[in-house]
């Protein structure tokens, strides 16, 4: 009895503290709350994520909320509900989660990404404790009897035993006769192998333009789109810039490019976009629609700025910002 009371008091105190507690990072306050402290196993729990920040800070909601806990499963995310104040803005999002474990469970801190003056930073919420109980079962109630199996009258199907083999032999014989007839009348055409004489950057730009024209994300092929786009960039870096990329991670690729003294702003943007693509491919993340064209534009700019300058192409001077 004392242990139950102590657990209940501890849960109540934790929920109250979690409702008002938020970690401050770069003038951003993040908090997470639940609409209850007790649930049944398998219940859907509405986790409200709230971000309070000044107007000059942009919250990166295109990064999906990650619940880093093995015993919780995220079901869905809602849209953004904004509340405007005089000096700050409050943005709310509902994340629906569930669990099939029981007892006192802890939802770990949740990271929230935001940008200020072009710099990306994170803030985290306080952990939440919740008590999960099982469904009560009446062990004194009597068991219901199991109904016996029933039979269904079947018509006589013996003719199938003779008809199926005969039809099968006729189809095989007819198919083999047609194959021999076509084989005698056909002349094997001479196949000329096509040699692609385009340079690596030309191939990459043509494939990027083709993706921009077909727009695979509009046919619900978001993952396939990011897989193909990152494949184009990796093959260009491997064949055009002669750097290992096909088997390297995103972090290793950026490190190799940084040694070539490339534009740091371009490398930072490329790193952010490739990291988001990795989340789409391996973590089933669904980025915002605007990010599909944004990563496409980043790929174009990267290829244009790193392609070799030939003797017939005039050197273009970049305008300073």
Foldseek 3Di string as FASTA:
>chain_A
DVVVVVVVVVQVVQQVCQVPDFFDDPQKGKGKHWPDQEEAAFDKTKIKIKIKHFPQKFWAPLFDKDFPDPFKDWDDKDDWDWDDDDGIIMIMIIIIMGGRDFAKDKGCWIWTWMDHPRDIDIITGHIHIHGYHYDDDDPPDDDDDDDDDDDDDDDDDVVCVVPVVVVVVVVVVVVVVVVVVVVVPDDDDDDDDDDDPDALLVVLVVVLVVCVVVVVVVVVCVLVLLVVNLVSLQVCCCRQVVDHRPPDDLVVVLVVVVVVVDDPVLSVLLSVLNVVSCCCNPVVRDGDPVSSVVNSVSSNVVSVVPGDDDPVHDDDDDDDD
